[in-house]
C-alpha atoms as a PDB file:
ATOM      1  CA  MET A   1     -70.273  -4.738 -78.655  1.00  0.00           C
ATOM      2  CA  ALA A   2     -72.362  -6.760 -76.887  1.00  0.00           C
ATOM      3  CA  PRO A   3     -70.570 -10.251 -78.370  1.00  0.00           C
ATOM      4  CA  VAL A   4     -67.609  -8.829 -76.968  1.00  0.00           C
ATOM      5  CA  ALA A   5     -68.697  -8.403 -73.313  1.00  0.00           C
ATOM      6  CA  THR A   6     -70.463 -11.527 -73.405  1.00  0.00           C
ATOM      7  CA  THR A   7     -67.013 -13.235 -74.427  1.00  0.00           C
ATOM      8  CA  GLY A   8     -65.572 -11.587 -71.593  1.00  0.00           C
ATOM      9  CA  VAL A   9     -67.914 -12.910 -68.832  1.00  0.00           C
ATOM     10  CA  LEU A  10     -68.209 -16.451 -69.510  1.00  0.00           C
ATOM     11  CA  PRO A  11     -64.748 -17.747 -68.957  1.00  0.00           C
ATOM     12  CA  ALA A  12     -64.620 -15.820 -65.299  1.00  0.00           C
ATOM     13  CA  GLU A  13     -67.925 -17.752 -64.654  1.00  0.00           C
ATOM     14  CA  GLY A  14     -66.516 -21.112 -65.629  1.00  0.00           C
ATOM     15  CA  MET A  15     -63.609 -20.527 -63.709  1.00  0.00           C
ATOM     16  CA  GLY A  16     -65.447 -19.555 -60.465  1.00  0.00           C
ATOM     17  CA  LYS A  17     -67.570 -22.757 -61.176  1.00  0.00           C
ATOM     18  CA  ASP A  18     -64.406 -24.870 -61.118  1.00  0.00           C
ATOM     19  CA  VAL A  19     -63.159 -23.510 -58.122  1.00  0.00           C
ATOM     20  CA  GLU A  20     -66.198 -24.161 -56.229  1.00  0.00           C
ATOM     21  CA  ALA A  21     -66.553 -27.743 -57.556  1.00  0.00           C
ATOM     22  CA  SER A  22     -62.968 -28.807 -56.696  1.00  0.00           C
ATOM     23  CA  PRO A  23     -62.368 -28.173 -53.075  1.00  0.00           C
ATOM     24  CA  ALA A  24     -58.699 -28.337 -52.029  1.00  0.00           C
ATOM     25  CA  VAL A  25     -58.127 -31.672 -49.968  1.00  0.00           C
ATOM     26  CA  CYS A  26     -54.979 -31.523 -47.704  1.00  0.00           C
ATOM     27  CA  CYS A  27     -53.127 -32.922 -44.789  1.00  0.00           C
ATOM     28  CA  ARG A  28     -54.436 -31.654 -41.357  1.00  0.00           C
ATOM     29  CA  ILE A  29     -50.545 -32.020 -40.113  1.00  0.00           C
ATOM     30  CA  CYS A  30     -48.538 -30.766 -42.573  1.00  0.00           C
ATOM     31  CA  LEU A  31     -51.245 -28.736 -44.548  1.00  0.00           C
ATOM     32  CA  SER A  32     -50.023 -29.728 -48.004  1.00  0.00           C
ATOM     33  CA  SER A  33     -52.108 -31.899 -50.410  1.00  0.00           C
ATOM     34  CA  GLU A  34     -48.807 -33.075 -51.959  1.00  0.00           C
ATOM     35  CA  GLY A  35     -46.844 -36.104 -50.876  1.00  0.00           C
ATOM     36  CA  ASN A  36     -48.044 -39.390 -50.014  1.00  0.00           C
ATOM     37  CA  GLU A  37     -51.280 -41.047 -49.199  1.00  0.00           C
ATOM     38  CA  LEU A  38     -54.098 -39.230 -48.030  1.00  0.00           C
ATOM     39  CA  ILE A  39     -56.370 -41.308 -45.731  1.00  0.00           C
ATOM     40  CA  SER A  40     -59.473 -40.422 -43.517  1.00  0.00           C
ATOM     41  CA  PRO A  41     -58.906 -42.878 -40.439  1.00  0.00           C
ATOM     42  CA  CYS A  42     -61.392 -41.143 -37.770  1.00  0.00           C
ATOM     43  CA  MET A  43     -64.567 -39.312 -37.225  1.00  0.00           C
ATOM     44  CA  CYS A  44     -63.078 -36.002 -38.260  1.00  0.00           C
ATOM     45  CA  LYS A  45     -64.568 -34.073 -41.122  1.00  0.00           C
ATOM     46  CA  GLY A  46     -64.060 -31.040 -43.229  1.00  0.00           C
ATOM     47  CA  THR A  47     -60.473 -29.777 -42.896  1.00  0.00           C
ATOM     48  CA  GLN A  48     -59.426 -32.045 -40.463  1.00  0.00           C
ATOM     49  CA  GLN A  49     -60.595 -35.294 -42.182  1.00  0.00           C
ATOM     50  CA  PHE A  50     -57.688 -36.029 -44.373  1.00  0.00           C
ATOM     51  CA  VAL A  51     -54.160 -36.708 -43.225  1.00  0.00           C
ATOM     52  CA  HIS A  52     -50.879 -38.095 -44.958  1.00  0.00           C
ATOM     53  CA  ARG A  53     -50.267 -41.744 -43.583  1.00  0.00           C
ATOM     54  CA  THR A  54     -46.638 -40.875 -42.998  1.00  0.00           C
ATOM     55  CA  CYS A  55     -47.508 -37.596 -41.188  1.00  0.00           C
ATOM     56  CA  LEU A  56     -50.013 -39.669 -39.161  1.00  0.00           C
ATOM     57  CA  ASP A  57     -47.322 -42.301 -38.268  1.00  0.00           C
ATOM     58  CA  HIS A  58     -44.919 -39.710 -37.111  1.00  0.00           C
ATOM     59  CA  TRP A  59     -47.398 -38.142 -34.996  1.00  0.00           C
ATOM     60  CA  ARG A  60     -48.279 -41.589 -33.374  1.00  0.00           C
ATOM     61  CA  ALA A  61     -44.629 -41.886 -32.685  1.00  0.00           C
ATOM     62  CA  VAL A  62     -43.768 -38.857 -30.996  1.00  0.00           C
ATOM     63  CA  LYS A  63     -47.105 -38.074 -29.447  1.00  0.00           C
ATOM     64  CA  GLU A  64     -47.356 -39.364 -25.756  1.00  0.00           C
ATOM     65  CA  GLY A  65     -50.286 -41.261 -24.484  1.00  0.00           C
ATOM     66  CA  THR A  66     -52.817 -43.147 -26.555  1.00  0.00           C
ATOM     67  CA  ALA A  67     -52.367 -41.004 -29.783  1.00  0.00           C
ATOM     68  CA  PHE A  68     -50.726 -44.123 -31.088  1.00  0.00           C
ATOM     69  CA  SER A  69     -54.222 -45.731 -31.452  1.00  0.00           C
ATOM     70  CA  HIS A  70     -56.768 -42.884 -31.280  1.00  0.00           C
ATOM     71  CA  CYS A  71     -57.293 -39.505 -32.587  1.00  0.00           C
ATOM     72  CA  THR A  72     -56.180 -36.751 -30.737  1.00  0.00           C
ATOM     73  CA  THR A  73     -58.943 -34.522 -32.158  1.00  0.00           C
ATOM     74  CA  CYS A  74     -62.033 -36.584 -32.155  1.00  0.00           C
ATOM     75  CA  LYS A  75     -60.691 -39.234 -29.548  1.00  0.00           C
ATOM     76  CA  ALA A  76     -61.900 -42.014 -32.093  1.00  0.00           C
ATOM     77  CA  GLN A  77     -59.902 -45.521 -31.989  1.00  0.00           C
ATOM     78  CA  PHE A  78     -58.308 -46.189 -35.104  1.00  0.00           C
ATOM     79  CA  HIS A  79     -58.907 -49.604 -37.093  1.00  0.00           C
ATOM     80  CA  LEU A  80     -55.431 -51.174 -36.820  1.00  0.00           C
ATOM     81  CA  ARG A  81     -54.532 -53.895 -39.027  1.00  0.00           C
ATOM     82  CA  VAL A  82     -51.718 -55.851 -37.770  1.00  0.00           C
ATOM     83  CA  GLU A  83     -48.739 -57.076 -39.941  1.00  0.00           C
ATOM     84  CA  LEU A  84     -46.185 -58.895 -38.363  1.00  0.00           C
ATOM     85  CA  LEU A  85     -42.729 -57.907 -40.073  1.00  0.00           C
ATOM     86  CA  GLU A  86     -40.254 -60.310 -41.112  1.00  0.00           C
ATOM     87  CA  ASP A  87     -37.366 -58.213 -40.301  1.00  0.00           C
ATOM     88  CA  ASP A  88     -38.512 -58.097 -36.608  1.00  0.00           C
ATOM     89  CA  MET A  89     -34.911 -58.985 -35.595  1.00  0.00           C
ATOM     90  CA  CYS A  90     -33.190 -56.164 -37.571  1.00  0.00           C
ATOM     91  CA  ARG A  91     -35.733 -53.870 -35.882  1.00  0.00           C
ATOM     92  CA  ARG A  92     -34.278 -54.963 -32.571  1.00  0.00           C
ATOM     93  CA  LEU A  93     -30.725 -54.735 -34.033  1.00  0.00           C
ATOM     94  CA  LYS A  94     -31.322 -51.266 -35.344  1.00  0.00           C
ATOM     95  CA  PHE A  95     -32.678 -49.951 -31.789  1.00  0.00           C
ATOM     96  CA  GLN A  96     -29.696 -51.584 -30.184  1.00  0.00           C
ATOM     97  CA  LEU A  97     -27.253 -50.005 -32.522  1.00  0.00           C
ATOM     98  CA  PHE A  98     -28.795 -46.348 -31.725  1.00  0.00           C
ATOM     99  CA  VAL A  99     -28.384 -47.085 -28.138  1.00  0.00           C
ATOM    100  CA  ALA A 100     -25.027 -48.287 -28.541  1.00  0.00           C
ATOM    101  CA  ARG A 101     -24.018 -45.168 -30.649  1.00  0.00           C
ATOM    102  CA  ASP A 102     -25.466 -42.486 -28.134  1.00  0.00           C
ATOM    103  CA  VAL A 103     -23.762 -44.261 -25.103  1.00  0.00           C
ATOM    104  CA  PHE A 104     -20.409 -44.229 -27.244  1.00  0.00           C
ATOM    105  CA  LEU A 105     -20.791 -40.707 -28.248  1.00  0.00           C
ATOM    106  CA  VAL A 106     -21.100 -39.871 -24.025  1.00  0.00           C
ATOM    107  CA  PHE A 107     -18.198 -41.956 -23.621  1.00  0.00           C
ATOM    108  CA  LEU A 108     -16.132 -39.898 -26.266  1.00  0.00           C
ATOM    109  CA  ALA A 109     -17.293 -36.626 -24.605  1.00  0.00           C
ATOM    110  CA  ILE A 110     -16.057 -37.968 -21.066  1.00  0.00           C
ATOM    111  CA  GLN A 111     -12.904 -39.232 -22.709  1.00  0.00           C
ATOM    112  CA  ALA A 112     -12.300 -35.639 -24.633  1.00  0.00           C
ATOM    113  CA  ALA A 113     -12.679 -33.844 -21.278  1.00  0.00           C
ATOM    114  CA  ILE A 114     -10.255 -35.982 -19.601  1.00  0.00           C
ATOM    115  CA  ALA A 115      -7.695 -35.513 -22.523  1.00  0.00           C
ATOM    116  CA  THR A 116      -8.102 -31.721 -22.021  1.00  0.00           C
ATOM    117  CA  ILE A 117      -7.723 -32.019 -18.246  1.00  0.00           C
ATOM    118  CA  ALA A 118      -4.596 -34.216 -18.916  1.00  0.00           C
ATOM    119  CA  GLY A 119      -3.333 -31.861 -21.594  1.00  0.00           C
ATOM    120  CA  VAL A 120      -3.616 -28.889 -19.150  1.00  0.00           C
ATOM    121  CA  ALA A 121      -2.060 -30.845 -16.557  1.00  0.00           C
ATOM    122  CA  TYR A 122       1.205 -31.433 -18.828  1.00  0.00           C
ATOM    123  CA  LEU A 123       1.456 -27.949 -19.964  1.00  0.00           C
ATOM    124  CA  LEU A 124       1.717 -26.956 -16.268  1.00  0.00           C
ATOM    125  CA  ASP A 125       4.124 -29.532 -15.715  1.00  0.00           C
ATOM    126  CA  ARG A 126       6.114 -29.564 -18.666  1.00  0.00           C
ATOM    127  CA  HIS A 127       9.257 -29.919 -16.667  1.00  0.00           C
ATOM    128  CA  GLY A 128       8.055 -33.152 -15.046  1.00  0.00           C
ATOM    129  CA  LYS A 129       8.558 -32.042 -11.640  1.00  0.00           C
ATOM    130  CA  PHE A 130       5.302 -33.057 -10.056  1.00  0.00           C
ATOM    131  CA  ARG A 131       5.435 -36.388 -12.087  1.00  0.00           C
ATOM    132  CA  ASN A 132       8.886 -37.424 -11.058  1.00  0.00           C
ATOM    133  CA  SER A 133       7.574 -36.645  -7.389  1.00  0.00           C
ATOM    134  CA  PHE A 134       5.794 -39.980  -7.826  1.00  0.00           C
ATOM    135  CA  ALA A 135       9.152 -41.856  -8.684  1.00  0.00           C
ATOM    136  CA  HIS A 136      10.222 -44.439  -5.940  1.00  0.00           C
ATOM    137  CA  GLY A 137      13.850 -45.280  -7.117  1.00  0.00           C
ATOM    138  CA  GLY A 138      13.226 -44.506 -10.664  1.00  0.00           C
ATOM    139  CA  ASP A 139      11.409 -47.534 -11.057  1.00  0.00           C
ATOM    140  CA  HIS A 140       7.453 -46.458 -10.661  1.00  0.00           C
ATOM    141  CA  ILE A 141       5.325 -46.921 -13.962  1.00  0.00           C
ATOM    142  CA  LEU A 142       3.819 -43.612 -13.939  1.00  0.00           C
ATOM    143  CA  SER A 143       6.883 -41.555 -13.852  1.00  0.00           C
ATOM    144  CA  LYS A 144       8.390 -43.502 -16.844  1.00  0.00           C
ATOM    145  CA  HIS A 145       4.850 -43.159 -19.340  1.00  0.00           C
ATOM    146  CA  GLN A 146       4.081 -39.855 -19.477  1.00  0.00           C
ATOM    147  CA  VAL A 147       0.962 -40.382 -21.373  1.00  0.00           C
ATOM    148  CA  LEU A 148      -0.227 -42.812 -18.708  1.00  0.00           C
ATOM    149  CA  PHE A 149       0.483 -40.493 -15.897  1.00  0.00           C
ATOM    150  CA  TYR A 150      -1.129 -37.433 -17.252  1.00  0.00           C
ATOM    151  CA  TYR A 151      -4.295 -39.542 -18.319  1.00  0.00           C
ATOM    152  CA  CYS A 152      -4.534 -40.903 -14.763  1.00  0.00           C
ATOM    153  CA  VAL A 153      -4.291 -37.047 -13.463  1.00  0.00           C
ATOM    154  CA  GLY A 154      -6.973 -36.336 -16.007  1.00  0.00           C
ATOM    155  CA  VAL A 155      -9.270 -39.292 -14.673  1.00  0.00           C
ATOM    156  CA  VAL A 156      -8.959 -38.163 -10.972  1.00  0.00           C
ATOM    157  CA  VAL A 157      -9.526 -34.389 -11.470  1.00  0.00           C
ATOM    158  CA  PHE A 158     -12.446 -34.930 -13.744  1.00  0.00           C
ATOM    159  CA  PHE A 159     -13.886 -37.119 -10.906  1.00  0.00           C
ATOM    160  CA  ALA A 160     -12.810 -34.672  -8.511  1.00  0.00           C
ATOM    161  CA  LEU A 161     -14.589 -31.739 -10.416  1.00  0.00           C
ATOM    162  CA  MET A 162     -17.764 -33.864 -10.582  1.00  0.00           C
ATOM    163  CA  GLY A 163     -17.737 -34.642  -6.970  1.00  0.00           C
ATOM    164  CA  LEU A 164     -17.218 -30.901  -6.331  1.00  0.00           C
ATOM    165  CA  GLY A 165     -20.061 -30.012  -8.522  1.00  0.00           C
ATOM    166  CA  GLY A 166     -22.352 -32.704  -6.781  1.00  0.00           C
ATOM    167  CA  LEU A 167     -21.436 -31.284  -3.241  1.00  0.00           C
ATOM    168  CA  LEU A 168     -22.086 -27.840  -4.560  1.00  0.00           C
ATOM    169  CA  LEU A 169     -25.389 -28.766  -6.200  1.00  0.00           C
ATOM    170  CA  HIS A 170     -26.227 -30.715  -2.755  1.00  0.00           C
ATOM    171  CA  CYS A 171     -25.412 -27.664  -0.398  1.00  0.00           C
ATOM    172  CA  LEU A 172     -27.200 -25.145  -3.112  1.00  0.00           C
ATOM    173  CA  SER A 173     -30.318 -27.391  -2.863  1.00  0.00           C
ATOM    174  CA  SER A 174     -30.116 -27.780   0.986  1.00  0.00           C
ATOM    175  CA  ASP A 175     -31.573 -25.476   3.683  1.00  0.00           C
ATOM    176  CA  PRO A 176     -29.702 -22.344   3.870  1.00  0.00           C
ATOM    177  CA  ALA A 177     -29.905 -22.187   7.406  1.00  0.00           C
ATOM    178  CA  ASP A 178     -28.419 -25.583   7.870  1.00  0.00           C
ATOM    179  CA  PRO A 179     -24.905 -25.532   7.344  1.00  0.00           C
ATOM    180  CA  SER A 180     -24.423 -29.116   7.573  1.00  0.00           C
ATOM    181  CA  CYS A 181     -22.688 -29.659   4.300  1.00  0.00           C
ATOM    182  CA  LEU A 182     -19.764 -27.513   5.711  1.00  0.00           C
ATOM    183  CA  ALA A 183     -19.632 -29.056   8.891  1.00  0.00           C
ATOM    184  CA  GLY A 184     -16.377 -30.977  10.317  1.00  0.00           C
ATOM    185  CA  CYS A 185     -14.422 -28.425   7.832  1.00  0.00           C
ATOM    186  CA  SER A 186     -11.350 -27.320   9.577  1.00  0.00           C
ATOM    187  CA  TYR A 187      -9.448 -24.594   8.466  1.00  0.00           C
ATOM    188  CA  GLU A 188      -6.508 -24.878  11.104  1.00  0.00           C
ATOM    189  CA  CYS A 189      -5.104 -28.038   9.369  1.00  0.00           C
ATOM    190  CA  VAL A 190      -4.711 -25.882   6.232  1.00  0.00           C
ATOM    191  CA  ASP A 191      -2.837 -23.440   7.819  1.00  0.00           C
ATOM    192  CA  CYS A 192      -0.365 -25.881   9.377  1.00  0.00           C
ATOM    193  CA  PHE A 193       0.034 -27.402   6.066  1.00  0.00           C
ATOM    194  CA  VAL A 194       0.631 -24.348   4.277  1.00  0.00           C
ATOM    195  CA  ALA A 195       3.137 -23.329   7.047  1.00  0.00           C
ATOM    196  CA  SER A 196       4.891 -26.513   6.829  1.00  0.00           C
ATOM    197  CA  GLY A 197       6.104 -25.843   3.241  1.00  0.00           C
ATOM    198  CA  GLU A 198       5.728 -26.446  -0.397  1.00  0.00           C
ATOM    199  CA  ALA A 199       5.824 -30.473  -0.052  1.00  0.00           C
ATOM    200  CA  SER A 200       3.038 -30.351   2.239  1.00  0.00           C
ATOM    201  CA  CYS A 201       1.040 -28.113   0.235  1.00  0.00           C
ATOM    202  CA  LEU A 202       1.445 -30.494  -2.768  1.00  0.00           C
ATOM    203  CA  VAL A 203       0.311 -33.254  -0.368  1.00  0.00           C
ATOM    204  CA  LEU A 204      -2.730 -31.448   0.859  1.00  0.00           C
ATOM    205  CA  GLY A 205      -3.738 -30.615  -2.764  1.00  0.00           C
ATOM    206  CA  ILE A 206      -3.377 -34.391  -3.773  1.00  0.00           C
ATOM    207  CA  VAL A 207      -5.456 -35.299  -0.623  1.00  0.00           C
ATOM    208  CA  VAL A 208      -8.209 -32.605  -1.265  1.00  0.00           C
ATOM    209  CA  VAL A 209      -8.386 -33.838  -5.048  1.00  0.00           C
ATOM    210  CA  VAL A 210      -8.858 -37.520  -3.972  1.00  0.00           C
ATOM    211  CA  ILE A 211     -11.611 -36.686  -1.222  1.00  0.00           C
ATOM    212  CA  PHE A 212     -13.191 -34.780  -3.823  1.00  0.00           C
ATOM    213  CA  ALA A 213     -12.911 -37.759  -6.473  1.00  0.00           C
ATOM    214  CA  ILE A 214     -14.078 -39.981  -4.153  1.00  0.00           C
ATOM    215  CA  PRO A 215     -18.097 -38.510  -4.302  1.00  0.00           C
ATOM    216  CA  GLY A 216     -17.250 -37.717  -7.884  1.00  0.00           C
ATOM    217  CA  VAL A 217     -17.102 -41.374  -8.918  1.00  0.00           C
ATOM    218  CA  ILE A 218     -20.179 -41.898  -6.765  1.00  0.00           C
ATOM    219  CA  TYR A 219     -22.300 -38.987  -8.729  1.00  0.00           C
ATOM    220  CA  GLY A 220     -20.645 -40.332 -11.809  1.00  0.00           C
ATOM    221  CA  CYS A 221     -22.136 -43.773 -11.300  1.00  0.00           C
ATOM    222  CA  ILE A 222     -25.598 -41.984 -10.992  1.00  0.00           C
ATOM    223  CA  ALA A 223     -25.352 -39.527 -13.669  1.00  0.00           C
ATOM    224  CA  ALA A 224     -24.392 -42.655 -16.105  1.00  0.00           C
ATOM    225  CA  THR A 225     -27.040 -44.623 -15.100  1.00  0.00           C
ATOM    226  CA  MET A 226     -29.437 -41.748 -15.597  1.00  0.00           C
ATOM    227  CA  ALA A 227     -27.979 -40.919 -18.898  1.00  0.00           C
ATOM    228  CA  PHE A 228     -28.307 -44.503 -19.871  1.00  0.00           C
ATOM    229  CA  GLN A 229     -31.776 -44.704 -19.001  1.00  0.00           C
ATOM    230  CA  ASN A 230     -32.520 -41.476 -20.770  1.00  0.00           C
ATOM    231  CA  ILE A 231     -31.134 -42.747 -23.875  1.00  0.00           C
ATOM    232  CA  MET A 232     -33.036 -46.023 -23.738  1.00  0.00           C
ATOM    233  CA  GLN A 233     -36.256 -44.091 -23.014  1.00  0.00           C
ATOM    234  CA  ARG A 234     -35.739 -41.504 -25.716  1.00  0.00           C
ATOM    235  CA  HIS A 235     -34.959 -44.413 -28.512  1.00  0.00           C
ATOM    236  CA  TYR A 236     -38.060 -46.304 -26.850  1.00  0.00           C
ATOM    237  CA  HIS A 237     -40.282 -43.350 -27.463  1.00  0.00           C
ATOM    238  CA  ILE A 238     -39.375 -42.418 -30.728  1.00  0.00           C
ATOM    239  CA  LEU A 239     -37.523 -45.160 -33.029  1.00  0.00           C
ATOM    240  CA  ASN A 240     -38.987 -47.967 -31.288  1.00  0.00           C
ATOM    241  CA  LYS A 241     -42.418 -46.492 -31.835  1.00  0.00           C
ATOM    242  CA  LYS A 242     -41.913 -45.713 -35.423  1.00  0.00           C
ATOM    243  CA  GLU A 243     -40.991 -49.238 -35.986  1.00  0.00           C
ATOM    244  CA  LEU A 244     -44.470 -50.070 -34.306  1.00  0.00           C
ATOM    245  CA  THR A 245     -46.255 -47.972 -36.459  1.00  0.00           C
ATOM    246  CA  LYS A 246     -45.215 -50.571 -39.412  1.00  0.00           C
ATOM    247  CA  VAL A 247     -46.630 -53.191 -37.159  1.00  0.00           C
ATOM    248  CA  TYR A 248     -49.895 -51.648 -36.516  1.00  0.00           C
ATOM    249  CA  ILE A 249     -50.965 -49.905 -39.571  1.00  0.00           C
ATOM    250  CA  VAL A 250     -54.026 -47.450 -39.568  1.00  0.00           C
ATOM    251  CA  GLU A 251     -57.044 -48.261 -41.893  1.00  0.00           C
ATOM    252  CA  ASP A 252     -58.382 -45.864 -44.594  1.00  0.00           C
ATOM    253  CA  LEU A 253     -62.073 -45.636 -43.664  1.00  0.00           C
ATOM    254  CA  GLN A 254     -62.762 -43.082 -46.414  1.00  0.00           C
ATOM    255  CA  GLY A 255     -65.170 -40.935 -44.376  1.00  0.00           C
ATOM    256  CA  GLY A 256     -67.153 -43.885 -43.053  1.00  0.00           C
ATOM    257  CA  TYR A 257     -65.898 -44.662 -39.616  1.00  0.00           C
ATOM    258  CA  THR A 258     -67.560 -47.364 -37.773  1.00  0.00           C
ATOM    259  CA  MET A 259     -66.433 -48.837 -34.458  1.00  0.00           C
ATOM    260  CA  PRO A 260     -63.205 -50.641 -34.719  1.00  0.00           C
ATOM    261  CA  PRO A 261     -63.298 -54.481 -34.708  1.00  0.00           C
ATOM    262  CA  LYS A 262     -62.228 -56.475 -31.896  1.00  0.00           C
ATOM    263  CA  MET A 263     -58.102 -56.939 -32.072  1.00  0.00           C
ATOM    264  CA  ASN A 264     -56.371 -60.089 -31.326  1.00  0.00           C
ATOM    265  CA  PRO A 265     -56.010 -60.133 -27.370  1.00  0.00           C
ATOM    266  CA  GLU A 266     -52.124 -60.616 -27.550  1.00  0.00           C
ATOM    267  CA  HIS A 267     -51.822 -57.467 -29.518  1.00  0.00           C
ATOM    268  CA  GLU A 268     -54.389 -55.618 -27.280  1.00  0.00           C
ATOM    269  CA  GLN A 269     -52.559 -56.522 -24.285  1.00  0.00           C
ATOM    270  CA  ARG A 270     -49.064 -55.727 -25.837  1.00  0.00           C
ATOM    271  CA  LEU A 271     -50.478 -52.048 -26.651  1.00  0.00           C
ATOM    272  CA  LYS A 272     -51.976 -51.480 -23.346  1.00  0.00           C
ATOM    273  CA  MET A 273     -48.810 -52.855 -21.504  1.00  0.00           C
ATOM    274  CA  LEU A 274     -46.836 -50.259 -23.517  1.00  0.00           C
ATOM    275  CA  HIS A 275     -49.515 -47.519 -22.802  1.00  0.00           C
ATOM    276  CA  LEU A 276     -50.327 -47.084 -26.598  1.00  0.00           C
ATOM    277  CA  MET A 277     -53.987 -48.124 -26.280  1.00  0.00           C
END
């Protein structure tokens, strides 16, 4: 019986020694030991020492501040190796294409909204009574081309809705005790128009839409400028910084951290100007 007991104990002891002798090394970001190259770029030790190069580059790109050139845990500066990419023109072209794509998608969304409004206007005016009211002697170009007419209606109503929304936001954000946003509104003129008949009501409606469309154009220009700036900013902080991680490569120090060597003043100034160092 003794040999059987001895044989059953030895493998368990051997397995315990193997587990203790081979501690698991994993990436501190994705917590996986599989994948691309594991590097030790800073003064972090223990479970924080190793990180996948791809995980670190992604973190450097999406994290704000000096995370591009410094460890966010131990605050040590990375050793950066500069590699000038031959396809720098391709990188800039990719950046411009992504910006153009997002601008085009915003333009398509606006056109879809205008087309929807134009379709609703066409359904409400299926007999063409409203469209024909703009004809002067049968030669008016808008009365002849239905698509162009209702598209113009969609544009005007779209900007009128933008103007109305902008004015409502302005009134809601202003002091409730200050009715200045409603100053100058006269309801007697509305009663006058309504009392004078259907034609006057139509004219009143057109005038109101046009009046709201004017600030709508202003708010539209402001919104377009802000949207374009946000698109540029987002792609700069994500796409452009991802490409910069291929230019400024983090060295693997293999657990022996030393003070980083002095960078080329041109590259150091570039990173400081971009607030990455």
